[in-house]
Amino acid sequence: MPDRLRSLALVVQALVIIGLIWSLAWFGRDEFQSEGEDDTLATPPARVEGGRVVIAADAQRAAGIVVQTPAVAEYRAAQRYFGVVADPRTLVDARQRYLNLGTQLVATEAVLAQRRADLTRIQALFNEGRNATARELEIAQAAAASEEQRLNALQAERRAVVDGLKVVWGDAMTERPGDSGSLVARAAAREVELIQFVLPAGVDPRDTQWRVNVVTAEPAGVLARLVGRSPQALPGLQGDTWLLAAPPAGLPAGARVRVLADSSRAVSGVRVPPSAIVRFGGKAWVYVRVAPDQFERRALATERPLGDGLFSDAFAAETQLVTSGAQLLLSEEFKFQIKNENSD
């Protein structure tokens, strides 16, 4: 009898368990169906036609696809170059030599003027046969010739100083080297710092705003002026060496700096926000709505960054960019490509 009761109890328990399982399945079918419907909405019905992703307008809204026209923007091409602070000691020496020679030239010209006056006077006395001998005339002629030779030597030496400046520093440093306001004078007095930097061959430095990052606390750099070509080459760098004049920062000769080049010519275009950019195949892409229900993927150049996106002049201001849902469109496009490959 006890065995029959235990068997009956097991049967009742099994029936209760089956009933509970059936009840859970019955009452949970609506929730399962609603979840299935949500999954269907999360993946909008789409197809690919001629390289374009086609999605109906209501499905776009359900999937959260947002389209906006990009903001108009301007871009100035910016480049970064390696530069060093030039050593001005040769400028100091050359300018001092130039000034010393100038002083000697003034004194020699004064002496020569006196010697020529004496020669003229003695020549006149000798021609008139009065109180001037041939020996005195010869001495006066020799004295005048000696001062002329000294004057010519000083002038040649001063030209050599200028030629030396040209060979070492370029044409710009030969302009008025004796004037207190000249570039060579200001560089020798450390009123400006000369920066040597290298441009790749063929790069035109004109129409460029130059800046030099000489202080780490000023990442934007300070404005600098392009001086001209520099005959001195920077070791280990290929290209053309140029000179900039920048405000003094007290850096030692040979200190490394960054030369910043911003084009003075602004290019008009649009700003592409980061949310519109997708990555595929090592490149950046955006999706453009070309019809109410059609989207086309287009390449985006990345070499012109803005502070809050990328600059592009390949899109018009009225272009409709996908700013939300671009990654979903990429997935849909390649999902259909994979299906097509499997069906072959």
C-alpha atoms as a PDB file:
ATOM      1  CA  MET A   1       0.000   0.000   0.000  1.00  0.00           C
ATOM      2  CA  PRO A   2       2.711   2.506   0.818  1.00  0.00           C
ATOM      3  CA  ASP A   3       4.377   1.770  -2.543  1.00  0.00           C
ATOM      4  CA  ARG A   4       1.155   2.548  -4.433  1.00  0.00           C
ATOM      5  CA  LEU A   5       0.801   5.881  -2.552  1.00  0.00           C
ATOM      6  CA  ARG A   6       4.352   6.861  -3.371  1.00  0.00           C
ATOM      7  CA  SER A   7       3.791   6.083  -7.056  1.00  0.00           C
ATOM      8  CA  LEU A   8       0.606   8.132  -7.088  1.00  0.00           C
ATOM      9  CA  ALA A   9       2.409  11.065  -5.452  1.00  0.00           C
ATOM     10  CA  LEU A  10       5.139  10.970  -8.116  1.00  0.00           C
ATOM     11  CA  VAL A  11       2.541  10.977 -10.885  1.00  0.00           C
ATOM     12  CA  VAL A  12       0.760  13.982  -9.338  1.00  0.00           C
ATOM     13  CA  GLN A  13       4.075  15.872  -9.016  1.00  0.00           C
ATOM     14  CA  ALA A  14       4.933  15.165 -12.650  1.00  0.00           C
ATOM     15  CA  LEU A  15       1.521  16.418 -13.772  1.00  0.00           C
ATOM     16  CA  VAL A  16       1.961  19.598 -11.735  1.00  0.00           C
ATOM     17  CA  ILE A  17       5.419  20.235 -13.260  1.00  0.00           C
ATOM     18  CA  ILE A  18       4.092  19.717 -16.802  1.00  0.00           C
ATOM     19  CA  GLY A  19       1.234  22.108 -16.062  1.00  0.00           C
ATOM     20  CA  LEU A  20       3.583  24.787 -14.827  1.00  0.00           C
ATOM     21  CA  ILE A  21       5.820  24.472 -17.874  1.00  0.00           C
ATOM     22  CA  TRP A  22       2.812  24.696 -20.220  1.00  0.00           C
ATOM     23  CA  SER A  23       1.497  27.762 -18.332  1.00  0.00           C
ATOM     24  CA  LEU A  24       4.856  29.552 -18.615  1.00  0.00           C
ATOM     25  CA  ALA A  25       5.041  28.821 -22.323  1.00  0.00           C
ATOM     26  CA  TRP A  26       1.494  30.038 -22.895  1.00  0.00           C
ATOM     27  CA  PHE A  27       1.787  33.296 -20.959  1.00  0.00           C
ATOM     28  CA  GLY A  28       5.264  34.075 -22.325  1.00  0.00           C
ATOM     29  CA  ARG A  29       4.383  33.741 -25.993  1.00  0.00           C
ATOM     30  CA  ASP A  30       3.303  37.415 -26.289  1.00  0.00           C
ATOM     31  CA  GLU A  31       6.548  38.655 -24.811  1.00  0.00           C
ATOM     32  CA  PHE A  32       8.525  36.414 -27.177  1.00  0.00           C
ATOM     33  CA  GLN A  33       6.582  37.727 -30.150  1.00  0.00           C
ATOM     34  CA  SER A  34       7.098  41.350 -29.066  1.00  0.00           C
ATOM     35  CA  GLU A  35      10.843  40.731 -28.732  1.00  0.00           C
ATOM     36  CA  GLY A  36      10.854  39.242 -32.209  1.00  0.00           C
ATOM     37  CA  GLU A  37       9.086  42.317 -33.500  1.00  0.00           C
ATOM     38  CA  ASP A  38      11.684  44.568 -31.792  1.00  0.00           C
ATOM     39  CA  ASP A  39      14.481  42.601 -33.446  1.00  0.00           C
ATOM     40  CA  THR A  40      12.801  43.052 -36.772  1.00  0.00           C
ATOM     41  CA  LEU A  41      12.629  46.810 -36.259  1.00  0.00           C
ATOM     42  CA  ALA A  42      16.271  46.960 -35.106  1.00  0.00           C
ATOM     43  CA  THR A  43      17.348  45.573 -38.471  1.00  0.00           C
ATOM     44  CA  PRO A  44      15.392  47.590 -41.055  1.00  0.00           C
ATOM     45  CA  PRO A  45      14.292  45.955 -44.264  1.00  0.00           C
ATOM     46  CA  ALA A  46      16.910  47.018 -46.780  1.00  0.00           C
ATOM     47  CA  ARG A  47      18.419  46.033 -50.098  1.00  0.00           C
ATOM     48  CA  VAL A  48      21.386  47.038 -52.213  1.00  0.00           C
ATOM     49  CA  GLU A  49      20.829  48.325 -55.741  1.00  0.00           C
ATOM     50  CA  GLY A  50      23.658  49.578 -57.905  1.00  0.00           C
ATOM     51  CA  GLY A  51      25.984  50.095 -54.971  1.00  0.00           C
ATOM     52  CA  ARG A  52      23.370  52.027 -52.991  1.00  0.00           C
ATOM     53  CA  VAL A  53      21.633  50.954 -49.817  1.00  0.00           C
ATOM     54  CA  VAL A  54      17.872  51.315 -50.197  1.00  0.00           C
ATOM     55  CA  ILE A  55      15.777  51.706 -47.019  1.00  0.00           C
ATOM     56  CA  ALA A  56      12.226  52.990 -46.767  1.00  0.00           C
ATOM     57  CA  ALA A  57      11.625  56.234 -44.899  1.00  0.00           C
ATOM     58  CA  ASP A  58       9.662  54.637 -42.049  1.00  0.00           C
ATOM     59  CA  ALA A  59      12.363  52.005 -41.590  1.00  0.00           C
ATOM     60  CA  GLN A  60      14.978  54.775 -41.455  1.00  0.00           C
ATOM     61  CA  ARG A  61      13.156  56.417 -38.570  1.00  0.00           C
ATOM     62  CA  ALA A  62      12.754  53.130 -36.765  1.00  0.00           C
ATOM     63  CA  ALA A  63      16.474  52.385 -37.111  1.00  0.00           C
ATOM     64  CA  GLY A  64      17.519  55.851 -35.874  1.00  0.00           C
ATOM     65  CA  ILE A  65      19.094  57.010 -39.129  1.00  0.00           C
ATOM     66  CA  VAL A  66      19.606  60.786 -38.990  1.00  0.00           C
ATOM     67  CA  VAL A  67      20.579  62.933 -41.973  1.00  0.00           C
ATOM     68  CA  GLN A  68      21.924  66.485 -41.743  1.00  0.00           C
ATOM     69  CA  THR A  69      23.560  69.046 -44.016  1.00  0.00           C
ATOM     70  CA  PRO A  70      27.183  69.690 -42.946  1.00  0.00           C
ATOM     71  CA  ALA A  71      28.325  72.998 -41.508  1.00  0.00           C
ATOM     72  CA  VAL A  72      30.230  75.321 -43.826  1.00  0.00           C
ATOM     73  CA  ALA A  73      33.919  75.590 -42.885  1.00  0.00           C
ATOM     74  CA  GLU A  74      37.243  76.998 -44.037  1.00  0.00           C
ATOM     75  CA  TYR A  75      40.575  75.246 -43.927  1.00  0.00           C
ATOM     76  CA  ARG A  76      44.105  76.551 -44.043  1.00  0.00           C
ATOM     77  CA  ALA A  77      46.674  73.947 -44.906  1.00  0.00           C
ATOM     78  CA  ALA A  78      49.085  73.486 -42.014  1.00  0.00           C
ATOM     79  CA  GLN A  79      52.454  71.789 -42.120  1.00  0.00           C
ATOM     80  CA  ARG A  80      55.048  71.071 -39.472  1.00  0.00           C
ATOM     81  CA  TYR A  81      58.794  71.186 -40.063  1.00  0.00           C
ATOM     82  CA  PHE A  82      61.912  70.601 -38.039  1.00  0.00           C
ATOM     83  CA  GLY A  83      64.023  73.657 -37.219  1.00  0.00           C
ATOM     84  CA  VAL A  84      67.002  74.724 -35.117  1.00  0.00           C
ATOM     85  CA  VAL A  85      68.104  78.013 -33.584  1.00  0.00           C
ATOM     86  CA  ALA A  86      70.999  79.333 -35.671  1.00  0.00           C
ATOM     87  CA  ASP A  87      74.283  80.336 -34.044  1.00  0.00           C
ATOM     88  CA  PRO A  88      74.693  84.128 -34.491  1.00  0.00           C
ATOM     89  CA  ARG A  89      78.383  84.303 -33.529  1.00  0.00           C
ATOM     90  CA  THR A  90      79.559  84.538 -37.123  1.00  0.00           C
ATOM     91  CA  LEU A  91      77.079  87.369 -37.653  1.00  0.00           C
ATOM     92  CA  VAL A  92      78.442  89.202 -34.628  1.00  0.00           C
ATOM     93  CA  ASP A  93      82.014  88.820 -35.860  1.00  0.00           C
ATOM     94  CA  ALA A  94      81.159  89.817 -39.423  1.00  0.00           C
ATOM     95  CA  ARG A  95      79.195  92.882 -38.369  1.00  0.00           C
ATOM     96  CA  GLN A  96      81.917  94.026 -35.996  1.00  0.00           C
ATOM     97  CA  ARG A  97      84.491  93.598 -38.722  1.00  0.00           C
ATOM     98  CA  TYR A  98      82.277  95.492 -41.155  1.00  0.00           C
ATOM     99  CA  LEU A  99      81.882  98.384 -38.701  1.00  0.00           C
ATOM    100  CA  ASN A 100      85.621  98.510 -37.974  1.00  0.00           C
ATOM    101  CA  LEU A 101      86.400  98.602 -41.660  1.00  0.00           C
ATOM    102  CA  GLY A 102      83.851 101.375 -42.099  1.00  0.00           C
ATOM    103  CA  THR A 103      85.624 103.450 -39.450  1.00  0.00           C
ATOM    104  CA  GLN A 104      88.973 102.849 -41.113  1.00  0.00           C
ATOM    105  CA  LEU A 105      87.526 103.750 -44.488  1.00  0.00           C
ATOM    106  CA  VAL A 106      86.264 107.090 -43.194  1.00  0.00           C
ATOM    107  CA  ALA A 107      89.679 107.898 -41.742  1.00  0.00           C
ATOM    108  CA  THR A 108      91.499 106.754 -44.877  1.00  0.00           C
ATOM    109  CA  GLU A 109      89.213 108.777 -47.145  1.00  0.00           C
ATOM    110  CA  ALA A 110      89.954 111.874 -45.046  1.00  0.00           C
ATOM    111  CA  VAL A 111      93.706 111.264 -45.246  1.00  0.00           C
ATOM    112  CA  LEU A 112      93.476 110.580 -48.978  1.00  0.00           C
ATOM    113  CA  ALA A 113      91.583 113.821 -49.505  1.00  0.00           C
ATOM    114  CA  GLN A 114      94.381 115.671 -47.705  1.00  0.00           C
ATOM    115  CA  ARG A 115      97.073 113.857 -49.707  1.00  0.00           C
ATOM    116  CA  ARG A 116      95.340 114.720 -52.972  1.00  0.00           C
ATOM    117  CA  ALA A 117      95.047 118.363 -51.900  1.00  0.00           C
ATOM    118  CA  ASP A 118      98.771 118.438 -51.070  1.00  0.00           C
ATOM    119  CA  LEU A 119      99.592 116.845 -54.405  1.00  0.00           C
ATOM    120  CA  THR A 120      97.514 119.407 -56.267  1.00  0.00           C
ATOM    121  CA  ARG A 121      99.183 122.268 -54.446  1.00  0.00           C
ATOM    122  CA  ILE A 122     102.742 120.944 -54.957  1.00  0.00           C
ATOM    123  CA  GLN A 123     101.992 120.129 -58.589  1.00  0.00           C
ATOM    124  CA  ALA A 124     100.887 123.724 -59.156  1.00  0.00           C
ATOM    125  CA  LEU A 125     104.013 125.102 -57.475  1.00  0.00           C
ATOM    126  CA  PHE A 126     106.239 122.774 -59.451  1.00  0.00           C
ATOM    127  CA  ASN A 127     104.583 123.728 -62.743  1.00  0.00           C
ATOM    128  CA  GLU A 128     105.162 127.421 -61.957  1.00  0.00           C
ATOM    129  CA  GLY A 129     108.775 126.768 -60.923  1.00  0.00           C
ATOM    130  CA  ARG A 130     108.207 128.168 -57.451  1.00  0.00           C
ATOM    131  CA  ASN A 131     109.341 126.554 -54.185  1.00  0.00           C
ATOM    132  CA  ALA A 132     108.588 122.919 -55.235  1.00  0.00           C
ATOM    133  CA  THR A 133     111.180 120.476 -56.402  1.00  0.00           C
ATOM    134  CA  ALA A 134     110.740 117.298 -58.378  1.00  0.00           C
ATOM    135  CA  ARG A 135     111.557 115.316 -55.236  1.00  0.00           C
ATOM    136  CA  GLU A 136     108.758 116.992 -53.295  1.00  0.00           C
ATOM    137  CA  LEU A 137     106.355 116.276 -56.145  1.00  0.00           C
ATOM    138  CA  GLU A 138     107.370 112.599 -56.177  1.00  0.00           C
ATOM    139  CA  ILE A 139     106.862 112.340 -52.416  1.00  0.00           C
ATOM    140  CA  ALA A 140     103.380 113.892 -52.682  1.00  0.00           C
ATOM    141  CA  GLN A 141     102.450 111.576 -55.525  1.00  0.00           C
ATOM    142  CA  ALA A 142     103.656 108.530 -53.573  1.00  0.00           C
ATOM    143  CA  ALA A 143     101.735 109.554 -50.468  1.00  0.00           C
ATOM    144  CA  ALA A 144      98.502 110.005 -52.425  1.00  0.00           C
ATOM    145  CA  ALA A 145      98.990 106.676 -54.235  1.00  0.00           C
ATOM    146  CA  SER A 146      99.658 104.915 -50.920  1.00  0.00           C
ATOM    147  CA  GLU A 147      96.432 106.185 -49.408  1.00  0.00           C
ATOM    148  CA  GLU A 148      94.520 105.210 -52.563  1.00  0.00           C
ATOM    149  CA  GLN A 149      95.908 101.684 -52.296  1.00  0.00           C
ATOM    150  CA  ARG A 150      94.978 101.533 -48.609  1.00  0.00           C
ATOM    151  CA  LEU A 151      91.465 102.773 -49.414  1.00  0.00           C
ATOM    152  CA  ASN A 152      91.053 100.156 -52.176  1.00  0.00           C
ATOM    153  CA  ALA A 153      92.281  97.411 -49.835  1.00  0.00           C
ATOM    154  CA  LEU A 154      89.821  98.418 -47.138  1.00  0.00           C
ATOM    155  CA  GLN A 155      86.963  98.542 -49.644  1.00  0.00           C
ATOM    156  CA  ALA A 156      87.908  95.094 -50.953  1.00  0.00           C
ATOM    157  CA  GLU A 157      88.056  93.725 -47.418  1.00  0.00           C
ATOM    158  CA  ARG A 158      84.646  95.131 -46.627  1.00  0.00           C
ATOM    159  CA  ARG A 159      83.222  93.596 -49.813  1.00  0.00           C
ATOM    160  CA  ALA A 160      84.746  90.293 -48.702  1.00  0.00           C
ATOM    161  CA  VAL A 161      82.871  90.572 -45.403  1.00  0.00           C
ATOM    162  CA  VAL A 162      79.611  91.091 -47.306  1.00  0.00           C
ATOM    163  CA  ASP A 163      80.409  88.180 -49.617  1.00  0.00           C
ATOM    164  CA  GLY A 164      81.088  86.018 -46.594  1.00  0.00           C
ATOM    165  CA  LEU A 165      77.692  86.914 -45.148  1.00  0.00           C
ATOM    166  CA  LYS A 166      76.091  85.988 -48.455  1.00  0.00           C
ATOM    167  CA  VAL A 167      77.867  82.647 -48.658  1.00  0.00           C
ATOM    168  CA  VAL A 168      77.025  81.633 -45.089  1.00  0.00           C
ATOM    169  CA  TRP A 169      73.682  83.346 -44.476  1.00  0.00           C
ATOM    170  CA  GLY A 170      72.190  84.270 -47.844  1.00  0.00           C
ATOM    171  CA  ASP A 171      71.307  87.471 -49.645  1.00  0.00           C
ATOM    172  CA  ALA A 172      69.021  88.845 -46.920  1.00  0.00           C
ATOM    173  CA  MET A 173      71.928  89.303 -44.514  1.00  0.00           C
ATOM    174  CA  THR A 174      73.857  91.484 -46.952  1.00  0.00           C
ATOM    175  CA  GLU A 175      71.297  94.295 -46.926  1.00  0.00           C
ATOM    176  CA  ARG A 176      72.656  97.350 -45.044  1.00  0.00           C
ATOM    177  CA  PRO A 177      74.840  95.347 -42.657  1.00  0.00           C
ATOM    178  CA  GLY A 178      76.204  98.533 -41.113  1.00  0.00           C
ATOM    179  CA  ASP A 179      72.817 100.033 -40.225  1.00  0.00           C
ATOM    180  CA  SER A 180      71.616  99.631 -36.653  1.00  0.00           C
ATOM    181  CA  GLY A 181      68.129  98.631 -37.823  1.00  0.00           C
ATOM    182  CA  SER A 182      69.218  95.987 -40.333  1.00  0.00           C
ATOM    183  CA  LEU A 183      68.392  92.334 -39.860  1.00  0.00           C
ATOM    184  CA  VAL A 184      72.026  91.369 -39.374  1.00  0.00           C
ATOM    185  CA  ALA A 185      72.382  94.051 -36.672  1.00  0.00           C
ATOM    186  CA  ARG A 186      69.237  92.912 -34.873  1.00  0.00           C
ATOM    187  CA  ALA A 187      70.297  89.261 -35.055  1.00  0.00           C
ATOM    188  CA  ALA A 188      73.779  90.112 -33.771  1.00  0.00           C
ATOM    189  CA  ALA A 189      72.211  92.026 -30.879  1.00  0.00           C
ATOM    190  CA  ARG A 190      69.855  89.092 -30.137  1.00  0.00           C
ATOM    191  CA  GLU A 191      66.808  91.246 -30.825  1.00  0.00           C
ATOM    192  CA  VAL A 192      65.573  88.473 -33.119  1.00  0.00           C
ATOM    193  CA  GLU A 193      66.369  84.784 -33.334  1.00  0.00           C
ATOM    194  CA  LEU A 194      67.209  83.177 -36.636  1.00  0.00           C
ATOM    195  CA  ILE A 195      65.655  79.766 -37.194  1.00  0.00           C
ATOM    196  CA  GLN A 196      66.939  77.386 -39.835  1.00  0.00           C
ATOM    197  CA  PHE A 197      64.507  74.813 -41.187  1.00  0.00           C
ATOM    198  CA  VAL A 198      64.217  72.520 -44.185  1.00  0.00           C
ATOM    199  CA  LEU A 199      61.418  72.445 -46.738  1.00  0.00           C
ATOM    200  CA  PRO A 200      60.939  69.492 -49.086  1.00  0.00           C
ATOM    201  CA  ALA A 201      62.212  70.165 -52.574  1.00  0.00           C
ATOM    202  CA  GLY A 202      59.637  71.941 -54.717  1.00  0.00           C
ATOM    203  CA  VAL A 203      57.607  73.432 -51.828  1.00  0.00           C
ATOM    204  CA  ASP A 204      56.827  77.112 -52.365  1.00  0.00           C
ATOM    205  CA  PRO A 205      57.059  79.027 -49.054  1.00  0.00           C
ATOM    206  CA  ARG A 206      55.124  82.019 -50.326  1.00  0.00           C
ATOM    207  CA  ASP A 207      51.516  82.739 -49.264  1.00  0.00           C
ATOM    208  CA  THR A 208      52.276  81.137 -45.930  1.00  0.00           C
ATOM    209  CA  GLN A 209      51.943  82.375 -42.379  1.00  0.00           C
ATOM    210  CA  TRP A 210      54.958  81.180 -40.421  1.00  0.00           C
ATOM    211  CA  ARG A 211      55.064  80.456 -36.721  1.00  0.00           C
ATOM    212  CA  VAL A 212      57.748  79.000 -34.494  1.00  0.00           C
ATOM    213  CA  ASN A 213      57.056  76.990 -31.376  1.00  0.00           C
ATOM    214  CA  VAL A 214      59.998  78.196 -29.314  1.00  0.00           C
ATOM    215  CA  VAL A 215      58.286  77.916 -25.910  1.00  0.00           C
ATOM    216  CA  THR A 216      56.515  74.739 -24.823  1.00  0.00           C
ATOM    217  CA  ALA A 217      53.920  76.789 -22.962  1.00  0.00           C
ATOM    218  CA  GLU A 218      52.848  78.329 -26.271  1.00  0.00           C
ATOM    219  CA  PRO A 219      51.880  75.377 -28.462  1.00  0.00           C
ATOM    220  CA  ALA A 220      50.443  77.698 -31.096  1.00  0.00           C
ATOM    221  CA  GLY A 221      53.866  79.279 -31.558  1.00  0.00           C
ATOM    222  CA  VAL A 222      54.896  82.880 -32.183  1.00  0.00           C
ATOM    223  CA  LEU A 223      54.682  84.670 -35.497  1.00  0.00           C
ATOM    224  CA  ALA A 224      57.867  84.628 -37.574  1.00  0.00           C
ATOM    225  CA  ARG A 225      59.002  86.258 -40.799  1.00  0.00           C
ATOM    226  CA  LEU A 226      60.476  84.362 -43.717  1.00  0.00           C
ATOM    227  CA  VAL A 227      63.950  85.777 -44.364  1.00  0.00           C
ATOM    228  CA  GLY A 228      65.011  83.756 -47.380  1.00  0.00           C
ATOM    229  CA  ARG A 229      67.110  80.806 -48.413  1.00  0.00           C
ATOM    230  CA  SER A 230      69.990  79.703 -46.247  1.00  0.00           C
ATOM    231  CA  PRO A 231      73.125  78.291 -47.905  1.00  0.00           C
ATOM    232  CA  GLN A 232      73.783  76.204 -44.790  1.00  0.00           C
ATOM    233  CA  ALA A 233      72.412  72.670 -44.872  1.00  0.00           C
ATOM    234  CA  LEU A 234      71.051  70.964 -41.779  1.00  0.00           C
ATOM    235  CA  PRO A 235      72.754  67.602 -41.234  1.00  0.00           C
ATOM    236  CA  GLY A 236      70.623  64.565 -41.947  1.00  0.00           C
ATOM    237  CA  LEU A 237      67.769  66.471 -43.614  1.00  0.00           C
ATOM    238  CA  GLN A 238      67.008  66.496 -47.335  1.00  0.00           C
ATOM    239  CA  GLY A 239      65.521  69.563 -48.969  1.00  0.00           C
ATOM    240  CA  ASP A 240      66.019  73.317 -49.142  1.00  0.00           C
ATOM    241  CA  THR A 241      67.167  75.203 -46.055  1.00  0.00           C
ATOM    242  CA  TRP A 242      65.403  78.472 -45.229  1.00  0.00           C
ATOM    243  CA  LEU A 243      65.671  81.127 -42.544  1.00  0.00           C
ATOM    244  CA  LEU A 244      63.009  82.621 -40.297  1.00  0.00           C
ATOM    245  CA  ALA A 245      63.310  85.621 -38.002  1.00  0.00           C
ATOM    246  CA  ALA A 246      61.389  85.136 -34.761  1.00  0.00           C
ATOM    247  CA  PRO A 247      61.083  87.056 -31.471  1.00  0.00           C
ATOM    248  CA  PRO A 248      63.886  86.100 -29.062  1.00  0.00           C
ATOM    249  CA  ALA A 249      63.119  83.318 -26.610  1.00  0.00           C
ATOM    250  CA  GLY A 250      66.542  82.955 -25.032  1.00  0.00           C
ATOM    251  CA  LEU A 251      67.138  79.516 -26.516  1.00  0.00           C
ATOM    252  CA  PRO A 252      70.728  78.384 -27.038  1.00  0.00           C
ATOM    253  CA  ALA A 253      72.154  77.914 -30.500  1.00  0.00           C
ATOM    254  CA  GLY A 254      71.263  74.500 -31.892  1.00  0.00           C
ATOM    255  CA  ALA A 255      68.069  74.159 -29.847  1.00  0.00           C
ATOM    256  CA  ARG A 256      65.363  72.280 -31.714  1.00  0.00           C
ATOM    257  CA  VAL A 257      62.086  73.998 -32.479  1.00  0.00           C
ATOM    258  CA  ARG A 258      58.960  73.271 -34.485  1.00  0.00           C
ATOM    259  CA  VAL A 259      58.242  75.428 -37.497  1.00  0.00           C
ATOM    260  CA  LEU A 260      54.524  75.754 -38.214  1.00  0.00           C
ATOM    261  CA  ALA A 261      53.347  76.754 -41.684  1.00  0.00           C
ATOM    262  CA  ASP A 262      49.747  77.864 -42.202  1.00  0.00           C
ATOM    263  CA  SER A 263      48.609  78.721 -45.695  1.00  0.00           C
ATOM    264  CA  SER A 264      47.302  82.269 -45.994  1.00  0.00           C
ATOM    265  CA  ARG A 265      44.814  81.075 -48.600  1.00  0.00           C
ATOM    266  CA  ALA A 266      41.715  79.568 -47.006  1.00  0.00           C
ATOM    267  CA  VAL A 267      39.900  76.754 -48.812  1.00  0.00           C
ATOM    268  CA  SER A 268      36.097  76.684 -48.550  1.00  0.00           C
ATOM    269  CA  GLY A 269      34.265  73.443 -47.823  1.00  0.00           C
ATOM    270  CA  VAL A 270      32.310  71.687 -45.100  1.00  0.00           C
ATOM    271  CA  ARG A 271      32.978  70.139 -41.710  1.00  0.00           C
ATOM    272  CA  VAL A 272      32.227  66.437 -41.506  1.00  0.00           C
ATOM    273  CA  PRO A 273      31.360  65.513 -37.888  1.00  0.00           C
ATOM    274  CA  PRO A 274      32.968  62.425 -36.325  1.00  0.00           C
ATOM    275  CA  SER A 275      29.568  60.707 -35.990  1.00  0.00           C
ATOM    276  CA  ALA A 276      29.242  60.604 -39.790  1.00  0.00           C
ATOM    277  CA  ILE A 277      32.544  58.801 -40.345  1.00  0.00           C
ATOM    278  CA  VAL A 278      32.887  55.028 -40.618  1.00  0.00           C
ATOM    279  CA  ARG A 279      36.068  53.043 -41.148  1.00  0.00           C
ATOM    280  CA  PHE A 280      36.403  50.265 -43.656  1.00  0.00           C
ATOM    281  CA  GLY A 281      39.359  48.815 -45.540  1.00  0.00           C
ATOM    282  CA  GLY A 282      41.777  51.204 -43.858  1.00  0.00           C
ATOM    283  CA  LYS A 283      39.900  54.243 -45.175  1.00  0.00           C
ATOM    284  CA  ALA A 284      37.329  56.716 -43.914  1.00  0.00           C
ATOM    285  CA  TRP A 285      33.857  56.815 -45.487  1.00  0.00           C
ATOM    286  CA  VAL A 286      30.599  58.697 -45.156  1.00  0.00           C
ATOM    287  CA  TYR A 287      27.098  57.896 -46.355  1.00  0.00           C
ATOM    288  CA  VAL A 288      25.249  60.467 -48.428  1.00  0.00           C
ATOM    289  CA  ARG A 289      21.500  60.388 -48.992  1.00  0.00           C
ATOM    290  CA  VAL A 290      21.075  60.722 -52.744  1.00  0.00           C
ATOM    291  CA  ALA A 291      17.314  59.997 -52.737  1.00  0.00           C
ATOM    292  CA  PRO A 292      14.669  59.831 -50.010  1.00  0.00           C
ATOM    293  CA  ASP A 293      15.263  56.108 -49.593  1.00  0.00           C
ATOM    294  CA  GLN A 294      18.774  55.672 -51.041  1.00  0.00           C
ATOM    295  CA  PHE A 295      22.223  56.061 -49.483  1.00  0.00           C
ATOM    296  CA  GLU A 296      25.621  56.003 -51.183  1.00  0.00           C
ATOM    297  CA  ARG A 297      28.976  55.411 -49.518  1.00  0.00           C
ATOM    298  CA  ARG A 298      31.727  57.892 -50.465  1.00  0.00           C
ATOM    299  CA  ALA A 299      35.398  58.106 -49.521  1.00  0.00           C
ATOM    300  CA  LEU A 300      36.564  60.869 -47.193  1.00  0.00           C
ATOM    301  CA  ALA A 301      40.105  62.288 -47.134  1.00  0.00           C
ATOM    302  CA  THR A 302      41.541  62.464 -43.619  1.00  0.00           C
ATOM    303  CA  GLU A 303      44.635  64.635 -44.089  1.00  0.00           C
ATOM    304  CA  ARG A 304      42.825  67.887 -43.254  1.00  0.00           C
ATOM    305  CA  PRO A 305      41.555  67.630 -39.662  1.00  0.00           C
ATOM    306  CA  LEU A 306      39.553  70.317 -37.920  1.00  0.00           C
ATOM    307  CA  GLY A 307      39.132  70.671 -34.184  1.00  0.00           C
ATOM    308  CA  ASP A 308      35.783  68.843 -34.229  1.00  0.00           C
ATOM    309  CA  GLY A 309      35.808  66.730 -37.351  1.00  0.00           C
ATOM    310  CA  LEU A 310      37.340  66.560 -40.797  1.00  0.00           C
ATOM    311  CA  PHE A 311      37.393  69.214 -43.499  1.00  0.00           C
ATOM    312  CA  SER A 312      36.303  68.280 -47.014  1.00  0.00           C
ATOM    313  CA  ASP A 313      35.840  70.295 -50.172  1.00  0.00           C
ATOM    314  CA  ALA A 314      34.394  67.282 -51.982  1.00  0.00           C
ATOM    315  CA  PHE A 315      30.864  67.877 -50.684  1.00  0.00           C
ATOM    316  CA  ALA A 316      28.534  70.774 -51.338  1.00  0.00           C
ATOM    317  CA  ALA A 317      26.914  72.620 -48.437  1.00  0.00           C
ATOM    318  CA  GLU A 318      23.524  71.112 -49.288  1.00  0.00           C
ATOM    319  CA  THR A 319      24.843  67.530 -49.211  1.00  0.00           C
ATOM    320  CA  GLN A 320      22.820  65.300 -46.892  1.00  0.00           C
ATOM    321  CA  LEU A 321      25.231  63.358 -44.706  1.00  0.00           C
ATOM    322  CA  VAL A 322      24.203  60.506 -42.442  1.00  0.00           C
ATOM    323  CA  THR A 323      25.266  61.673 -38.985  1.00  0.00           C
ATOM    324  CA  SER A 324      23.645  58.819 -37.069  1.00  0.00           C
ATOM    325  CA  GLY A 325      23.304  55.252 -38.315  1.00  0.00           C
ATOM    326  CA  ALA A 326      26.234  55.238 -40.756  1.00  0.00           C
ATOM    327  CA  GLN A 327      27.656  52.091 -39.179  1.00  0.00           C
ATOM    328  CA  LEU A 328      24.272  50.361 -39.603  1.00  0.00           C
ATOM    329  CA  LEU A 329      24.235  51.261 -43.303  1.00  0.00           C
ATOM    330  CA  LEU A 330      27.745  49.854 -43.690  1.00  0.00           C
ATOM    331  CA  SER A 331      26.626  46.608 -42.063  1.00  0.00           C
ATOM    332  CA  GLU A 332      23.561  46.394 -44.297  1.00  0.00           C
ATOM    333  CA  GLU A 333      25.572  47.060 -47.441  1.00  0.00           C
ATOM    334  CA  PHE A 334      28.109  44.337 -46.772  1.00  0.00           C
ATOM    335  CA  LYS A 335      25.538  41.920 -45.390  1.00  0.00           C
ATOM    336  CA  PHE A 336      23.932  41.844 -48.821  1.00  0.00           C
ATOM    337  CA  GLN A 337      27.303  41.498 -50.543  1.00  0.00           C
ATOM    338  CA  ILE A 338      28.088  38.472 -48.398  1.00  0.00           C
ATOM    339  CA  LYS A 339      24.713  36.960 -49.254  1.00  0.00           C
ATOM    340  CA  ASN A 340      25.360  37.505 -52.946  1.00  0.00           C
ATOM    341  CA  GLU A 341      28.749  35.806 -52.700  1.00  0.00           C
ATOM    342  CA  ASN A 342      27.259  32.791 -50.903  1.00  0.00           C
ATOM    343  CA  SER A 343      24.517  32.441 -53.456  1.00  0.00           C
ATOM    344  CA  ASP A 344      26.963  31.968 -56.370  1.00  0.00           C
END
